[in-house]
Amino acid sequence: MPSTRPRWGLEVLVVLALSLGQSAVYSVLSLTEKLTRPEPLNQQTTSMNTSAVPDRPWLDLAYQLANNVFLAVPVALALYLLWARPGRWGWSGMGLDRRHPLRDALVGLGLAAGIGIPGLGFYLLARELGVNTTVAPANLTAAWWTVPVLVLAAFANGLLEEVVVVGYLFGRLREKGWSWVAVLLTSALVRGSYHLYQGFGGFAGNVLMGLVLGLVFLRWRRVWPLVVAHTLLDVAAFVGYTLVAPHVDWL
């Protein structure tokens, strides 16, 4: 008689294959391509948030909006699966609700400051040591919608990563009987793996970030502070780069 026990492992693999796991595979391929070039990593540039059709801003806006909307699809899938097959860990298990908006915002702000400032120093050090590329986080054509789209991209990425790689993954791996230590390490390593396209510094920095955010999640069991922190970090990177990079030579 077939087992009626939910196949959490297969479900997790499918969710990751459709989202951040797929990104991890392409990141490994991207890093491999960079490592096989004649120039060292720190003399290469990794461009993010690039224009699809820079000569037609209205169409470029449509591309950017479509990209960000589709980032929400894996989030919707993960939330649906948690609702349809909740086990002992549903939406309430990740704290994706409106019970503590002020605390969530303040914790997220503190996390962003605590991670972002040393994170910038870590990136510059990794690049200086030759283990990371130069990351250009925002490369959209200047238009009235550039900054709003970058903010939207920051939120979309924050929501995707924190819901899937923390809220969803923590719950499902615990359902499989994994220890909290194993879950925390796995989540952090997955986070680091899909940032390998930046270089080894991007991998290490995001593993550390994953450990910090994972510990915060274990403390409060709320994913919203992580989404807030991630969004603020990306807004600072995307919008800050757009405003500051033309005037400095060290970014």
Protein backbone atom coordinates (compact mmCIF):
# COMPACT_ATOMS: atom_id res chain seq x y z
CA MET A 1 0.00 0.00 0.00
CA PRO A 2 1.52 3.37 -0.98
CA SER A 3 2.60 5.60 1.88
CA THR A 4 0.32 8.54 2.61
CA ARG A 5 3.13 10.46 4.31
CA PRO A 6 3.72 13.78 2.54
CA ARG A 7 6.82 13.72 0.36
CA TRP A 8 8.33 16.90 1.73
CA GLY A 9 11.73 16.18 0.16
CA LEU A 10 10.38 15.96 -3.38
CA GLU A 11 8.25 19.03 -2.82
CA VAL A 12 11.25 21.03 -1.58
CA LEU A 13 13.33 19.99 -4.59
CA VAL A 14 10.58 21.08 -6.97
CA VAL A 15 10.12 24.47 -5.28
CA LEU A 16 13.87 25.12 -5.29
CA ALA A 17 14.24 23.90 -8.88
CA LEU A 18 11.63 26.45 -9.93
CA SER A 19 13.26 29.30 -8.02
CA LEU A 20 16.47 29.77 -6.05
CA GLY A 21 17.88 26.31 -6.66
CA GLN A 22 17.74 27.03 -10.36
CA SER A 23 19.48 30.34 -9.69
CA ALA A 24 22.18 28.46 -7.78
CA VAL A 25 22.89 26.20 -10.75
CA TYR A 26 23.20 29.16 -13.10
CA SER A 27 25.38 30.95 -10.55
CA VAL A 28 27.81 28.03 -10.52
CA LEU A 29 27.90 28.08 -14.31
CA SER A 30 28.40 31.85 -14.32
CA LEU A 31 31.28 31.63 -11.85
CA THR A 32 32.85 28.80 -13.87
CA GLU A 33 32.68 30.96 -16.99
CA LYS A 34 34.32 33.86 -15.15
CA LEU A 35 37.07 31.67 -13.69
CA THR A 36 37.97 30.36 -17.15
CA ARG A 37 38.51 33.83 -18.58
CA PRO A 38 42.09 35.09 -18.88
CA GLU A 39 41.51 38.09 -16.58
CA PRO A 40 41.23 37.63 -12.78
CA LEU A 41 37.89 37.88 -11.00
CA ASN A 42 38.47 41.33 -9.55
CA GLN A 43 39.01 42.74 -13.03
CA GLN A 44 35.60 41.52 -14.19
CA THR A 45 32.23 43.18 -13.67
CA THR A 46 28.96 41.52 -12.74
CA SER A 47 26.00 43.61 -13.87
CA MET A 48 22.58 43.39 -12.26
CA ASN A 49 19.24 45.05 -13.03
CA THR A 50 20.13 45.73 -16.64
CA SER A 51 17.90 47.30 -19.26
CA ALA A 52 16.36 44.91 -21.77
CA VAL A 53 15.66 47.53 -24.44
CA PRO A 54 17.39 50.76 -23.36
CA ASP A 55 16.40 52.64 -26.51
CA ARG A 56 12.65 52.18 -25.76
CA PRO A 57 12.04 53.13 -22.12
CA TRP A 58 8.33 52.28 -22.17
CA LEU A 59 9.05 48.73 -23.34
CA ASP A 60 11.96 48.43 -20.94
CA LEU A 61 9.60 49.33 -18.11
CA ALA A 62 7.26 46.54 -19.20
CA TYR A 63 10.15 44.06 -19.14
CA GLN A 64 11.25 45.17 -15.68
CA LEU A 65 7.72 44.94 -14.27
CA ALA A 66 7.24 41.49 -15.78
CA ASN A 67 10.54 40.27 -14.30
CA ASN A 68 9.58 41.46 -10.83
CA VAL A 69 6.03 40.12 -10.99
CA PHE A 70 7.28 36.66 -11.95
CA LEU A 71 9.63 36.66 -8.95
CA ALA A 72 6.48 36.42 -6.84
CA VAL A 73 5.35 33.17 -8.47
CA PRO A 74 7.63 30.86 -6.41
CA VAL A 75 6.51 32.76 -3.30
CA ALA A 76 2.89 32.09 -4.19
CA LEU A 77 3.69 28.43 -4.82
CA ALA A 78 5.47 28.02 -1.47
CA LEU A 79 2.64 29.72 0.40
CA TYR A 80 0.04 27.65 -1.41
CA LEU A 81 1.84 24.43 -0.52
CA LEU A 82 2.09 25.48 3.11
CA TRP A 83 -1.64 26.19 3.06
CA ALA A 84 -2.64 23.05 1.15
CA ARG A 85 -0.35 20.68 3.06
CA PRO A 86 0.45 22.52 6.26
CA GLY A 87 1.68 19.63 8.38
CA ARG A 88 2.78 21.16 11.67
CA TRP A 89 4.11 24.27 9.95
CA GLY A 90 1.80 26.58 8.02
CA TRP A 91 1.77 30.30 7.39
CA SER A 92 1.61 30.96 11.11
CA GLY A 93 4.86 29.04 11.54
CA MET A 94 6.76 31.65 9.56
CA GLY A 95 4.97 34.68 11.01
CA LEU A 96 3.81 36.05 7.67
CA ASP A 97 1.02 38.14 9.17
CA ARG A 98 0.33 41.66 10.44
CA ARG A 99 0.46 41.06 14.19
CA HIS A 100 3.66 43.02 14.93
CA PRO A 101 4.26 45.56 12.15
CA LEU A 102 6.24 48.07 14.23
CA ARG A 103 8.50 45.46 15.79
CA ASP A 104 9.02 43.77 12.43
CA ALA A 105 10.01 47.09 10.86
CA LEU A 106 12.38 48.06 13.68
CA VAL A 107 14.06 44.65 13.79
CA GLY A 108 14.40 44.75 10.01
CA LEU A 109 15.93 48.22 10.12
CA GLY A 110 18.42 47.14 12.77
CA LEU A 111 19.36 44.06 10.78
CA ALA A 112 19.88 46.10 7.63
CA ALA A 113 22.23 48.48 9.42
CA GLY A 114 24.07 45.69 11.20
CA ILE A 115 24.57 43.66 8.02
CA GLY A 116 24.90 46.39 5.41
CA ILE A 117 27.78 48.44 6.81
CA PRO A 118 30.18 45.54 7.49
CA GLY A 119 28.87 43.85 4.35
CA LEU A 120 30.15 46.69 2.18
CA GLY A 121 33.56 46.42 3.81
CA PHE A 122 33.56 42.65 3.28
CA TYR A 123 32.76 43.11 -0.41
CA LEU A 124 35.57 45.64 -0.91
CA LEU A 125 38.02 43.36 0.90
CA ALA A 126 36.99 40.32 -1.16
CA ARG A 127 37.45 42.28 -4.37
CA GLU A 128 40.83 43.56 -3.23
CA LEU A 129 41.90 39.98 -2.48
CA GLY A 130 40.87 38.96 -5.99
CA VAL A 131 38.09 36.55 -4.99
CA ASN A 132 35.15 38.65 -6.13
CA THR A 133 34.06 40.52 -9.21
CA THR A 134 33.15 44.19 -9.26
CA VAL A 135 29.39 44.18 -8.77
CA ALA A 136 27.35 46.84 -10.58
CA PRO A 137 23.95 46.42 -8.87
CA ALA A 138 21.92 48.78 -11.05
CA ASN A 139 22.28 49.42 -14.78
CA LEU A 140 18.90 50.64 -15.93
CA THR A 141 18.47 53.42 -18.44
CA ALA A 142 17.75 56.73 -16.70
CA ALA A 143 13.99 57.33 -16.75
CA TRP A 144 11.25 58.60 -14.46
CA TRP A 145 10.53 55.03 -13.36
CA THR A 146 14.13 53.91 -12.67
CA VAL A 147 14.18 54.40 -8.90
CA PRO A 148 10.65 53.02 -8.27
CA VAL A 149 11.48 49.92 -10.32
CA LEU A 150 14.71 49.39 -8.37
CA VAL A 151 12.75 49.65 -5.11
CA LEU A 152 10.22 47.16 -6.46
CA ALA A 153 13.05 44.81 -7.46
CA ALA A 154 14.51 45.08 -3.97
CA PHE A 155 11.19 44.12 -2.39
CA ALA A 156 10.55 41.31 -4.88
CA ASN A 157 13.96 39.79 -4.23
CA GLY A 158 13.62 40.16 -0.48
CA LEU A 159 10.20 38.53 -0.45
CA LEU A 160 11.31 35.66 -2.70
CA GLU A 161 14.49 34.83 -0.83
CA GLU A 162 13.22 35.15 2.72
CA VAL A 163 9.91 33.36 2.19
CA VAL A 164 11.41 30.49 0.19
CA VAL A 165 14.86 29.97 1.69
CA VAL A 166 13.87 30.72 5.29
CA GLY A 167 10.14 30.59 5.97
CA TYR A 168 9.32 27.71 3.64
CA LEU A 169 12.60 25.78 3.74
CA PHE A 170 12.95 25.87 7.52
CA GLY A 171 9.45 24.47 7.94
CA ARG A 172 9.67 21.71 5.39
CA LEU A 173 13.11 20.50 6.51
CA ARG A 174 11.91 20.42 10.10
CA GLU A 175 8.95 18.33 8.93
CA LYS A 176 11.51 15.85 7.59
CA GLY A 177 13.07 15.63 11.04
CA TRP A 178 16.18 17.73 10.41
CA SER A 179 17.78 19.42 13.40
CA TRP A 180 17.66 23.20 13.65
CA VAL A 181 21.43 23.34 13.16
CA ALA A 182 21.22 21.33 9.93
CA VAL A 183 18.33 23.47 8.70
CA LEU A 184 20.16 26.70 9.50
CA LEU A 185 23.35 25.60 7.73
CA THR A 186 21.50 24.27 4.69
CA SER A 187 19.49 27.47 4.30
CA ALA A 188 22.63 29.61 4.58
CA LEU A 189 24.52 27.48 2.06
CA VAL A 190 21.62 27.62 -0.41
CA ARG A 191 21.59 31.41 -0.02
CA GLY A 192 25.31 31.61 -0.64
CA SER A 193 25.16 29.28 -3.65
CA TYR A 194 22.82 31.45 -5.71
CA HIS A 195 25.12 34.43 -5.15
CA LEU A 196 28.19 32.64 -6.52
CA TYR A 197 27.82 34.55 -9.78
CA GLN A 198 29.39 37.49 -7.93
CA GLY A 199 32.43 35.49 -6.85
CA PHE A 200 33.59 33.68 -3.73
CA GLY A 201 33.18 36.82 -1.66
CA GLY A 202 29.51 37.01 -2.60
CA PHE A 203 29.12 33.37 -1.59
CA ALA A 204 30.82 33.76 1.79
CA GLY A 205 29.13 37.05 2.61
CA ASN A 206 25.68 35.67 1.87
CA VAL A 207 26.32 32.49 3.86
CA LEU A 208 27.14 34.69 6.85
CA MET A 209 24.06 36.80 6.18
CA GLY A 210 21.98 33.63 5.97
CA LEU A 211 23.25 32.46 9.35
CA VAL A 212 22.39 35.80 10.96
CA LEU A 213 18.92 36.00 9.41
CA GLY A 214 18.27 32.35 10.21
CA LEU A 215 19.13 32.87 13.87
CA VAL A 216 16.86 35.92 14.01
CA PHE A 217 14.08 33.84 12.47
CA LEU A 218 14.60 31.12 15.06
CA ARG A 219 14.41 33.75 17.79
CA TRP A 220 11.11 35.35 16.72
CA ARG A 221 9.69 32.93 14.12
CA ARG A 222 8.76 35.87 11.90
CA VAL A 223 9.83 36.27 8.30
CA TRP A 224 8.71 39.91 7.90
CA PRO A 225 11.77 41.41 9.66
CA LEU A 226 13.97 39.48 7.24
CA VAL A 227 12.00 40.76 4.25
CA VAL A 228 12.29 44.32 5.57
CA ALA A 229 16.04 43.96 6.15
CA HIS A 230 16.66 42.37 2.77
CA THR A 231 14.59 44.99 0.98
CA LEU A 232 16.42 47.86 2.68
CA LEU A 233 19.80 46.31 1.89
CA ASP A 234 18.90 45.95 -1.77
CA VAL A 235 17.40 49.43 -1.97
CA ALA A 236 20.64 50.82 -0.54
CA ALA A 237 22.66 48.78 -3.04
CA PHE A 238 20.51 49.43 -6.12
CA VAL A 239 19.50 53.05 -5.60
CA GLY A 240 22.69 53.99 -3.77
CA TYR A 241 24.82 52.66 -6.60
CA THR A 242 22.75 54.56 -9.16
CA LEU A 243 23.21 57.82 -7.28
CA VAL A 244 26.78 57.43 -6.00
CA ALA A 245 28.70 55.32 -8.54
CA PRO A 246 29.02 58.08 -11.18
CA HIS A 247 30.85 60.24 -8.62
CA VAL A 248 33.29 57.76 -7.04
CA ASP A 249 35.82 55.27 -8.36
CA TRP A 250 35.90 52.70 -5.54
CA LEU A 251 32.53 50.99 -6.03
